[in-house]
Amino acid sequence: MLPVEFLDMMQQQLGQQAPLLFRALEDEPVVSIRLNDKIDELSFDADADEVPWHYDGYYLSERPMFTLDPLFHAGCYYVQEASSMLIQLALEQYVPEQSVVLDLCAAPGGKATLISQYLGQDGLLVANEVVRQRVFVLSENIQKWGNGNTVVTHNSPALFADALPNMFDCILVDAPCSGEGMFRKDEQAVADWSMRTVRTCVERQRSILSDVWDALKPGGIIIYSTCTFNRHEDEENAMWIAEELGADILPLRLDPAWGVTESLAGYHCYPHLVRGEGFYLCVLRKHRADYTPMKLRVPRKPAGTPIAPDTLETVRSWLHHPDDWALRQADRFITAYPMQYKELIDYMATKFLCISTGFGLAEERGKFFAPQHSLSMSKALRQEAFPALELNLENALAFLRTEALPMTNMPLGLLMVTYHGIPLGFVKNVGARCNNLYPNEWRIRKL
């Protein structure tokens, strides 16, 4: 049962359209995914229609058991709500690929992986999450997606304004909200909703926006979004950004056939009009002004341990285009991150709590360095560097449960395991069996 106050509010907001929305919220949720460019097509049989506003988005007629697909665990696609893929249009129309972008409230990672794929190696994404439990889920999804152009951080919005003023070309604030757009997917969202919650969310959203505002360059783009319907958290906040913080609201080029509703400030996806869940999006440009670009003060002596020449030669051989990557060793671990943004990332490592920078390349084990699991997920991996052990579905799922694999006639030592040619991780062949090196915290616990 939908809350009475919500029904009254939507009746005032939508008029004759309101009963159609209420009926739509009783329907089954829409299932959609977005493909990674690791693969060219769906990895399972399904009735699928294309999401019209994203070239890699697909609707599925029913929800498969994603846990039973090894390519889901390999980051070949992301189960993402179709309406939220609209941020692709904002990026294409207003954000060059050679941009530094901040996704401020990034967990669990659907929009962050979309942005990282849009930017490619020309841009840099900083994906931040303030909630500790959620930041590790974000980091896992970023690693599985395989783009090394991302730094994952766990910091407050205000730190970005203080430590990186006028730095970002674009900031996405997918703000914590009252969750009305998730009503048909999440019964708890219905139970938790109240007008008091709406008012609390408005205050929190404005605080977040104010705290991070100075990190956005004059003339930079802010993408403000929520998964809710009400005007208090949506249009009124967009107008508040424009009037109080100083920005111009920008139009998006949309096909009317998609059913997206343009309002006085931004765009709504209503489930009775759009094949997707509730979503609100507004794109704004910060008022232009003269400013002096920040001069980054990075310590002359880099942090970490110098990498031994023979180790350096080995780990570079694992990468396509190794000159594109800066390498840093800290304790037992070697990390690779974009050489183009080395100065900025080195600076961030001194000021921010960085959960990951780029991707983990190698880990010291005894007297040698072994590849980290995130290398197997990375698109920078040179697969030819490791003997490949192709697994069938049964053994691939056993590997993902962190079970030892049966003996093989493959060479002794490190092997890369693959499924349909896509890397899943590494094993160590000791002869009688293959010891599993899949991260224990990522393992499949139930089938």
Protein backbone atom coordinates (compact mmCIF):
# COMPACT_ATOMS: atom_id res chain seq x y z
CA MET A 1 0.00 0.00 0.00
CA LEU A 2 1.47 3.33 -1.08
CA PRO A 3 1.61 6.07 1.60
CA VAL A 4 -1.41 8.40 1.60
CA GLU A 5 0.74 11.53 1.66
CA PHE A 6 2.64 10.26 -1.39
CA LEU A 7 -0.62 9.61 -3.24
CA ASP A 8 -1.87 13.11 -2.47
CA MET A 9 1.40 14.73 -3.50
CA MET A 10 1.57 12.88 -6.82
CA GLN A 11 -2.09 13.64 -7.50
CA GLN A 12 -1.32 17.35 -7.19
CA GLN A 13 1.87 16.99 -9.26
CA LEU A 14 0.56 14.80 -12.09
CA GLY A 15 -3.20 15.38 -12.13
CA GLN A 16 -4.93 12.91 -14.47
CA GLN A 17 -1.66 11.04 -14.99
CA ALA A 18 -1.39 10.12 -11.30
CA PRO A 19 -3.61 6.97 -11.38
CA LEU A 20 -1.52 5.65 -14.28
CA LEU A 21 1.63 6.08 -12.19
CA PHE A 22 0.05 4.35 -9.21
CA ARG A 23 -0.95 1.35 -11.36
CA ALA A 24 2.54 1.20 -12.87
CA LEU A 25 4.04 1.02 -9.38
CA GLU A 26 2.10 -2.22 -8.85
CA ASP A 27 3.66 -3.86 -11.93
CA GLU A 28 6.76 -6.04 -11.95
CA PRO A 29 10.06 -4.08 -12.16
CA VAL A 30 11.83 -3.81 -15.49
CA VAL A 31 15.10 -5.76 -15.84
CA SER A 32 17.91 -4.15 -17.83
CA ILE A 33 21.64 -4.51 -18.25
CA ARG A 34 24.46 -2.54 -19.82
CA LEU A 35 27.23 -4.35 -21.69
CA ASN A 36 30.90 -3.77 -21.11
CA ASP A 37 33.02 -3.42 -24.22
CA LYS A 38 34.84 -6.57 -23.08
CA ILE A 39 32.17 -8.43 -25.08
CA ASP A 40 30.19 -7.71 -28.23
CA GLU A 41 26.89 -9.45 -27.40
CA LEU A 42 24.83 -10.93 -24.60
CA SER A 43 26.43 -13.95 -22.97
CA PHE A 44 23.15 -15.79 -22.33
CA ASP A 45 19.98 -16.54 -24.26
CA ALA A 46 17.32 -13.96 -23.52
CA ASP A 47 14.58 -11.99 -25.19
CA ALA A 48 16.21 -8.58 -25.28
CA ASP A 49 15.27 -5.15 -26.61
CA GLU A 50 17.68 -2.26 -26.85
CA VAL A 51 17.48 0.63 -24.40
CA PRO A 52 16.94 3.49 -26.88
CA TRP A 53 19.11 6.08 -25.11
CA HIS A 54 22.17 3.87 -24.56
CA TYR A 55 23.81 1.83 -27.30
CA ASP A 56 25.01 -0.85 -24.83
CA GLY A 57 21.77 -1.06 -22.82
CA TYR A 58 19.32 -3.97 -23.11
CA TYR A 59 15.95 -4.81 -21.59
CA LEU A 60 15.43 -8.44 -20.60
CA SER A 61 12.00 -10.05 -20.68
CA GLU A 62 12.75 -11.86 -17.42
CA ARG A 63 15.44 -11.82 -14.75
CA PRO A 64 17.94 -14.66 -15.24
CA MET A 65 20.10 -16.12 -12.48
CA PHE A 66 23.03 -13.74 -12.99
CA THR A 67 24.98 -15.58 -10.29
CA LEU A 68 25.14 -18.62 -12.59
CA ASP A 69 26.82 -16.67 -15.41
CA PRO A 70 30.62 -16.50 -14.99
CA LEU A 71 30.76 -13.53 -17.36
CA PHE A 72 28.65 -11.52 -14.92
CA HIS A 73 31.40 -12.03 -12.34
CA ALA A 74 34.00 -11.09 -14.96
CA GLY A 75 32.40 -7.66 -15.36
CA CYS A 76 31.14 -8.24 -18.89
CA TYR A 77 27.88 -6.47 -18.08
CA TYR A 78 26.26 -4.52 -15.26
CA VAL A 79 22.69 -4.99 -14.10
CA GLN A 80 21.63 -1.35 -14.25
CA GLU A 81 18.27 0.36 -14.18
CA ALA A 82 17.52 1.65 -17.69
CA SER A 83 16.31 5.12 -16.71
CA SER A 84 19.61 5.92 -14.98
CA MET A 85 21.48 5.26 -18.24
CA LEU A 86 20.14 8.66 -19.39
CA ILE A 87 23.26 10.25 -17.94
CA GLN A 88 25.01 8.97 -21.08
CA LEU A 89 23.18 11.67 -23.06
CA ALA A 90 24.28 14.38 -20.64
CA LEU A 91 27.88 13.24 -21.02
CA GLU A 92 27.72 13.05 -24.81
CA GLN A 93 26.15 16.48 -25.16
CA TYR A 94 28.16 18.46 -22.61
CA VAL A 95 31.24 16.61 -21.32
CA PRO A 96 34.28 15.98 -23.58
CA GLU A 97 35.97 12.62 -23.21
CA GLN A 98 39.17 14.40 -22.15
CA SER A 99 37.63 15.43 -18.83
CA VAL A 100 38.23 14.92 -15.14
CA VAL A 101 34.92 13.82 -13.64
CA LEU A 102 33.82 13.31 -10.03
CA ASP A 103 31.02 10.87 -9.24
CA LEU A 104 30.39 12.04 -5.71
CA CYS A 105 27.91 9.42 -4.44
CA ALA A 106 29.08 6.55 -6.60
CA ALA A 107 28.17 3.25 -4.90
CA PRO A 108 27.30 0.65 -5.98
CA GLY A 109 28.87 1.67 -9.29
CA GLY A 110 26.36 1.58 -12.14
CA LYS A 111 26.80 5.21 -13.14
CA ALA A 112 30.52 5.14 -12.30
CA THR A 113 31.20 2.25 -14.69
CA LEU A 114 29.12 4.02 -17.35
CA ILE A 115 31.17 7.21 -16.95
CA SER A 116 34.48 5.34 -16.98
CA GLN A 117 33.51 3.60 -20.21
CA TYR A 118 32.46 6.91 -21.78
CA LEU A 119 35.73 8.64 -20.83
CA GLY A 120 38.03 5.79 -21.89
CA GLN A 121 41.73 6.43 -21.43
CA ASP A 122 41.43 10.09 -22.40
CA GLY A 123 39.69 11.11 -19.18
CA LEU A 124 39.82 10.39 -15.47
CA LEU A 125 36.99 9.43 -13.12
CA VAL A 126 37.11 9.92 -9.37
CA ALA A 127 34.41 7.67 -7.88
CA ASN A 128 33.68 8.59 -4.28
CA GLU A 129 31.50 6.99 -1.64
CA VAL A 130 31.14 8.36 1.88
CA VAL A 131 29.57 5.21 3.42
CA ARG A 132 32.32 2.77 4.37
CA GLN A 133 30.35 -0.44 3.79
CA ARG A 134 29.34 0.71 0.31
CA VAL A 135 32.74 1.91 -0.85
CA PHE A 136 34.14 -1.61 -1.03
CA VAL A 137 31.22 -2.76 -3.19
CA LEU A 138 31.98 0.23 -5.43
CA SER A 139 35.66 -0.70 -5.62
CA GLU A 140 34.83 -4.31 -6.51
CA ASN A 141 32.51 -3.25 -9.34
CA ILE A 142 35.07 -0.77 -10.67
CA GLN A 143 37.76 -3.46 -10.67
CA LYS A 144 35.51 -5.94 -12.46
CA TRP A 145 34.63 -3.36 -15.11
CA GLY A 146 38.33 -3.21 -15.95
CA ASN A 147 38.99 0.44 -16.84
CA GLY A 148 42.15 1.76 -15.22
CA ASN A 149 41.01 5.38 -15.57
CA THR A 150 39.31 5.44 -12.16
CA VAL A 151 40.30 6.41 -8.63
CA VAL A 152 37.98 5.17 -5.86
CA THR A 153 37.88 7.38 -2.77
CA HIS A 154 36.15 7.39 0.61
CA ASN A 155 35.89 11.03 1.65
CA SER A 156 33.44 13.79 2.53
CA PRO A 157 32.22 16.14 -0.22
CA ALA A 158 33.79 19.14 1.50
CA LEU A 159 37.30 17.70 1.17
CA PHE A 160 37.09 17.85 -2.61
CA ALA A 161 36.29 21.57 -2.48
CA ASP A 162 39.07 22.19 0.04
CA ALA A 163 41.81 20.06 -1.53
CA LEU A 164 40.86 20.30 -5.23
CA PRO A 165 39.20 23.68 -5.87
CA ASN A 166 38.19 24.34 -9.50
CA MET A 167 39.50 20.91 -10.50
CA PHE A 168 36.62 18.97 -12.04
CA ASP A 169 35.16 19.49 -15.50
CA CYS A 170 32.02 17.63 -14.43
CA ILE A 171 30.51 16.46 -11.14
CA LEU A 172 27.71 13.92 -10.92
CA VAL A 173 25.67 14.17 -7.72
CA ASP A 174 23.31 11.20 -7.72
CA ALA A 175 21.96 12.33 -4.40
CA PRO A 176 20.68 10.17 -1.54
CA CYS A 177 16.91 10.57 -1.75
CA SER A 178 13.57 9.35 -0.46
CA GLY A 179 13.55 6.57 -3.07
CA GLU A 180 10.07 6.93 -4.53
CA GLY A 181 11.36 5.69 -7.87
CA MET A 182 12.27 2.37 -6.25
CA PHE A 183 8.82 1.69 -4.76
CA ARG A 184 8.02 -1.28 -7.00
CA LYS A 185 11.48 -2.80 -6.53
CA ASP A 186 11.90 -2.26 -2.80
CA GLU A 187 9.12 -2.69 -0.25
CA GLN A 188 11.36 -1.20 2.43
CA ALA A 189 11.50 2.05 0.46
CA VAL A 190 7.71 2.28 0.76
CA ALA A 191 7.81 1.50 4.47
CA ASP A 192 10.49 4.12 5.16
CA TRP A 193 8.87 6.95 3.17
CA SER A 194 7.33 10.00 4.81
CA MET A 195 7.14 13.72 4.15
CA ARG A 196 9.56 14.14 7.03
CA THR A 197 12.01 11.91 5.15
CA VAL A 198 11.52 14.05 2.04
CA ARG A 199 12.32 17.23 3.97
CA THR A 200 15.38 15.61 5.54
CA CYS A 201 16.59 14.52 2.11
CA VAL A 202 16.20 18.03 0.69
CA GLU A 203 18.39 19.43 3.46
CA ARG A 204 21.01 16.71 2.99
CA GLN A 205 21.04 17.15 -0.79
CA ARG A 206 21.59 20.91 -0.54
CA SER A 207 24.34 20.39 2.03
CA ILE A 208 26.13 17.93 -0.27
CA LEU A 209 25.83 20.28 -3.25
CA SER A 210 27.07 23.28 -1.27
CA ASP A 211 30.00 21.34 0.17
CA VAL A 212 31.30 20.14 -3.20
CA TRP A 213 30.47 23.21 -5.31
CA ASP A 214 33.90 24.85 -5.20
CA ALA A 215 35.51 21.70 -6.62
CA LEU A 216 33.69 22.31 -9.93
CA LYS A 217 35.44 24.54 -12.46
CA PRO A 218 33.68 27.74 -13.49
CA GLY A 219 31.93 26.75 -16.70
CA GLY A 220 31.91 23.12 -15.57
CA ILE A 221 28.94 20.76 -15.75
CA ILE A 222 26.98 19.44 -12.79
CA ILE A 223 24.64 16.51 -13.33
CA TYR A 224 22.10 16.31 -10.53
CA SER A 225 19.95 13.19 -10.29
CA THR A 226 17.71 11.30 -7.91
CA CYS A 227 15.59 8.15 -7.99
CA THR A 228 12.53 9.96 -6.72
CA PHE A 229 9.52 11.82 -8.17
CA ASN A 230 8.69 14.73 -5.91
CA ARG A 231 9.46 18.31 -6.89
CA HIS A 232 10.97 19.17 -3.50
CA GLU A 233 13.99 16.93 -4.06
CA ASP A 234 14.03 17.41 -7.83
CA GLU A 235 12.95 20.64 -9.55
CA GLU A 236 13.12 22.80 -6.43
CA ASN A 237 16.67 21.65 -5.76
CA ALA A 238 17.67 22.24 -9.39
CA MET A 239 16.30 25.78 -9.19
CA TRP A 240 18.10 26.24 -5.87
CA ILE A 241 21.40 25.22 -7.51
CA ALA A 242 20.81 27.69 -10.33
CA GLU A 243 19.77 30.61 -8.13
CA GLU A 244 21.80 30.13 -4.95
CA LEU A 245 25.00 28.46 -6.18
CA GLY A 246 25.06 30.07 -9.61
CA ALA A 247 24.37 27.94 -12.67
CA ASP A 248 22.35 27.74 -15.85
CA ILE A 249 19.96 24.84 -16.50
CA LEU A 250 20.75 23.12 -19.80
CA PRO A 251 18.45 21.26 -22.21
CA LEU A 252 18.93 17.68 -23.36
CA ARG A 253 18.17 16.46 -26.86
CA LEU A 254 15.69 13.61 -26.34
CA ASP A 255 13.42 11.65 -28.65
CA PRO A 256 9.77 12.30 -27.65
CA ALA A 257 9.02 8.64 -28.39
CA TRP A 258 11.04 7.63 -25.34
CA GLY A 259 8.42 9.01 -22.98
CA VAL A 260 10.81 11.08 -20.86
CA THR A 261 8.93 14.05 -19.37
CA GLU A 262 10.50 17.51 -19.52
CA SER A 263 9.65 19.73 -16.57
CA LEU A 264 10.40 23.37 -15.77
CA ALA A 265 13.83 22.23 -14.54
CA GLY A 266 15.13 18.88 -15.73
CA TYR A 267 13.61 15.60 -16.86
CA HIS A 268 11.56 12.86 -15.24
CA CYS A 269 11.26 9.17 -16.02
CA TYR A 270 7.84 8.03 -14.82
CA PRO A 271 7.26 4.24 -14.97
CA HIS A 272 3.87 4.62 -16.66
CA LEU A 273 5.54 6.50 -19.54
CA VAL A 274 9.07 5.09 -19.67
CA ARG A 275 10.23 1.49 -19.70
CA GLY A 276 12.22 1.84 -16.51
CA GLU A 277 12.02 2.93 -12.90
CA GLY A 278 11.56 6.43 -11.49
CA PHE A 279 14.46 8.78 -12.18
CA TYR A 280 15.08 12.53 -12.30
CA LEU A 281 17.93 14.27 -14.11
CA CYS A 282 18.97 17.89 -14.48
CA VAL A 283 22.12 19.19 -16.18
CA LEU A 284 23.50 22.60 -15.21
CA ARG A 285 26.52 24.69 -16.18
CA LYS A 286 28.28 26.60 -13.40
CA HIS A 287 28.55 30.29 -14.16
CA ARG A 288 31.78 31.14 -15.89
CA ALA A 289 34.41 33.22 -14.09
CA ASP A 290 38.12 33.83 -14.24
CA TYR A 291 40.16 31.55 -12.03
CA THR A 292 43.74 30.39 -11.58
CA PRO A 293 44.20 26.65 -12.09
CA MET A 294 45.39 24.93 -8.96
CA LYS A 295 49.09 24.09 -8.78
CA LEU A 296 49.45 20.60 -7.38
CA ARG A 297 52.16 20.22 -4.78
CA VAL A 298 53.35 16.65 -5.03
CA PRO A 299 56.31 15.53 -2.89
CA ARG A 300 59.47 15.39 -4.98
CA LYS A 301 60.33 12.01 -3.55
CA PRO A 302 57.45 9.69 -4.44
CA ALA A 303 55.94 7.58 -1.70
CA GLY A 304 56.49 3.85 -1.74
CA THR A 305 59.33 1.49 -2.54
CA PRO A 306 61.45 1.66 -5.71
CA ILE A 307 60.57 -1.24 -8.01
CA ALA A 308 63.53 -3.53 -8.75
CA PRO A 309 64.55 -3.42 -12.44
CA ASP A 310 63.90 -7.14 -13.08
CA THR A 311 60.49 -6.91 -11.40
CA LEU A 312 59.67 -3.80 -13.40
CA GLU A 313 60.51 -5.55 -16.65
CA THR A 314 58.33 -8.52 -15.72
CA VAL A 315 55.22 -6.62 -14.67
CA ARG A 316 55.42 -4.26 -17.64
CA SER A 317 55.36 -7.34 -19.90
CA TRP A 318 51.90 -8.13 -18.54
CA LEU A 319 50.44 -4.91 -19.98
CA HIS A 320 49.37 -3.68 -23.38
CA HIS A 321 51.03 -0.29 -23.96
CA PRO A 322 52.98 -0.28 -20.67
CA ASP A 323 54.15 3.29 -21.26
CA ASP A 324 50.56 4.45 -20.71
CA TRP A 325 50.79 3.45 -17.05
CA ALA A 326 52.60 4.87 -14.06
CA LEU A 327 53.64 2.17 -11.58
CA ARG A 328 53.96 2.55 -7.84
CA GLN A 329 54.98 -0.01 -5.22
CA ALA A 330 53.69 0.28 -1.64
CA ASP A 331 54.55 -2.50 0.78
CA ARG A 332 54.00 -5.77 -1.12
CA PHE A 333 51.79 -4.33 -3.84
CA ILE A 334 52.40 -2.70 -7.23
CA THR A 335 49.66 -0.50 -8.66
CA ALA A 336 49.20 0.79 -12.22
CA TYR A 337 47.42 4.09 -12.92
CA PRO A 338 47.18 6.45 -15.93
CA MET A 339 50.48 8.16 -16.74
CA GLN A 340 48.51 11.07 -18.23
CA TYR A 341 47.08 11.87 -14.78
CA LYS A 342 50.05 10.81 -12.67
CA GLU A 343 50.56 14.18 -10.99
CA LEU A 344 46.91 14.54 -9.98
CA ILE A 345 46.66 10.95 -8.72
CA ASP A 346 49.92 11.24 -6.78
CA TYR A 347 48.56 14.40 -5.18
CA MET A 348 45.27 12.74 -4.33
CA ALA A 349 47.11 9.85 -2.70
CA THR A 350 48.56 12.36 -0.20
CA LYS A 351 45.26 14.13 0.58
CA PHE A 352 42.48 11.56 0.21
CA LEU A 353 41.63 8.10 1.45
CA CYS A 354 42.06 6.27 -1.84
CA ILE A 355 40.63 2.76 -1.84
CA SER A 356 42.13 2.12 -5.26
CA THR A 357 44.02 4.09 -7.90
CA GLY A 358 43.90 2.51 -11.33
CA PHE A 359 44.24 -1.22 -10.76
CA GLY A 360 46.32 -3.63 -8.73
CA LEU A 361 49.08 -5.07 -10.91
CA ALA A 362 51.25 -7.35 -8.77
CA GLU A 363 51.70 -8.69 -5.25
CA GLU A 364 54.92 -9.88 -3.63
CA ARG A 365 54.70 -13.54 -2.68
CA GLY A 366 57.90 -14.85 -1.20
CA LYS A 367 60.74 -14.19 -3.60
CA PHE A 368 58.67 -13.23 -6.64
CA PHE A 369 55.77 -11.02 -7.70
CA ALA A 370 52.49 -12.64 -8.75
CA PRO A 371 49.72 -10.83 -10.66
CA GLN A 372 46.88 -9.41 -8.59
CA HIS A 373 43.35 -10.50 -9.39
CA SER A 374 42.39 -7.02 -10.62
CA LEU A 375 44.93 -7.44 -13.44
CA SER A 376 42.84 -10.31 -14.79
CA MET A 377 39.83 -7.96 -14.89
CA SER A 378 41.73 -5.10 -16.51
CA LYS A 379 41.42 -4.18 -20.17
CA ALA A 380 45.11 -3.29 -20.03
CA LEU A 381 46.00 -6.97 -19.53
CA ARG A 382 48.09 -8.63 -22.23
CA GLN A 383 46.48 -12.06 -22.12
CA GLU A 384 49.34 -13.66 -24.02
CA ALA A 385 51.58 -13.08 -20.99
CA PHE A 386 50.02 -16.06 -19.16
CA PRO A 387 49.13 -19.62 -20.20
CA ALA A 388 45.33 -19.78 -20.42
CA LEU A 389 43.19 -22.55 -18.95
CA GLU A 390 39.73 -22.47 -20.55
CA LEU A 391 37.00 -23.71 -18.20
CA ASN A 392 33.57 -25.16 -18.86
CA LEU A 393 30.57 -23.80 -16.94
CA GLU A 394 30.82 -26.34 -14.10
CA ASN A 395 34.50 -25.67 -13.43
CA ALA A 396 34.07 -21.90 -13.90
CA LEU A 397 31.43 -21.83 -11.15
CA ALA A 398 33.67 -24.01 -8.97
CA PHE A 399 36.48 -21.51 -9.49
CA LEU A 400 34.17 -18.65 -8.50
CA ARG A 401 33.35 -20.56 -5.30
CA THR A 402 37.13 -20.55 -4.63
CA GLU A 403 37.34 -24.34 -4.91
CA ALA A 404 40.52 -26.07 -6.08
CA LEU A 405 40.37 -27.21 -9.69
CA PRO A 406 41.33 -30.73 -10.81
CA MET A 407 44.78 -31.45 -12.19
CA THR A 408 45.50 -30.40 -15.74
CA ASN A 409 48.12 -31.00 -18.39
CA MET A 410 48.93 -27.30 -18.41
CA PRO A 411 52.39 -26.02 -17.37
CA LEU A 412 53.19 -25.78 -13.67
CA GLY A 413 52.96 -22.35 -12.07
CA LEU A 414 50.57 -19.45 -12.65
CA LEU A 415 47.75 -19.92 -15.13
CA MET A 416 45.01 -17.58 -16.22
CA VAL A 417 41.58 -19.18 -16.18
CA THR A 418 39.08 -18.10 -18.83
CA TYR A 419 35.47 -18.73 -19.75
CA HIS A 420 34.45 -18.14 -23.37
CA GLY A 421 37.89 -16.57 -23.71
CA ILE A 422 37.24 -13.95 -21.02
CA PRO A 423 39.63 -13.94 -18.02
CA LEU A 424 38.13 -14.91 -14.66
CA GLY A 425 41.31 -14.85 -12.58
CA PHE A 426 44.39 -16.89 -11.77
CA VAL A 427 45.26 -20.33 -10.39
CA LYS A 428 48.57 -21.89 -9.47
CA ASN A 429 49.10 -25.31 -11.00
CA VAL A 430 51.03 -27.44 -8.47
CA GLY A 431 50.62 -30.68 -10.39
CA ALA A 432 48.03 -32.63 -8.42
CA ARG A 433 45.62 -29.71 -8.46
CA CYS A 434 45.28 -26.03 -9.29
CA ASN A 435 45.22 -23.81 -6.22
CA ASN A 436 42.55 -21.14 -6.53
CA LEU A 437 43.67 -17.49 -6.30
CA TYR A 438 40.21 -15.92 -6.67
CA PRO A 439 39.57 -13.28 -3.95
CA ASN A 440 37.83 -14.98 -1.05
CA GLU A 441 35.67 -11.92 -0.35
CA TRP A 442 34.27 -12.09 -3.92
CA ARG A 443 33.44 -15.79 -3.92
CA ILE A 444 29.99 -17.15 -4.76
CA ARG A 445 28.53 -18.24 -1.44
CA LYS A 446 25.28 -19.79 -2.65
CA LEU A 447 23.99 -21.18 -5.92
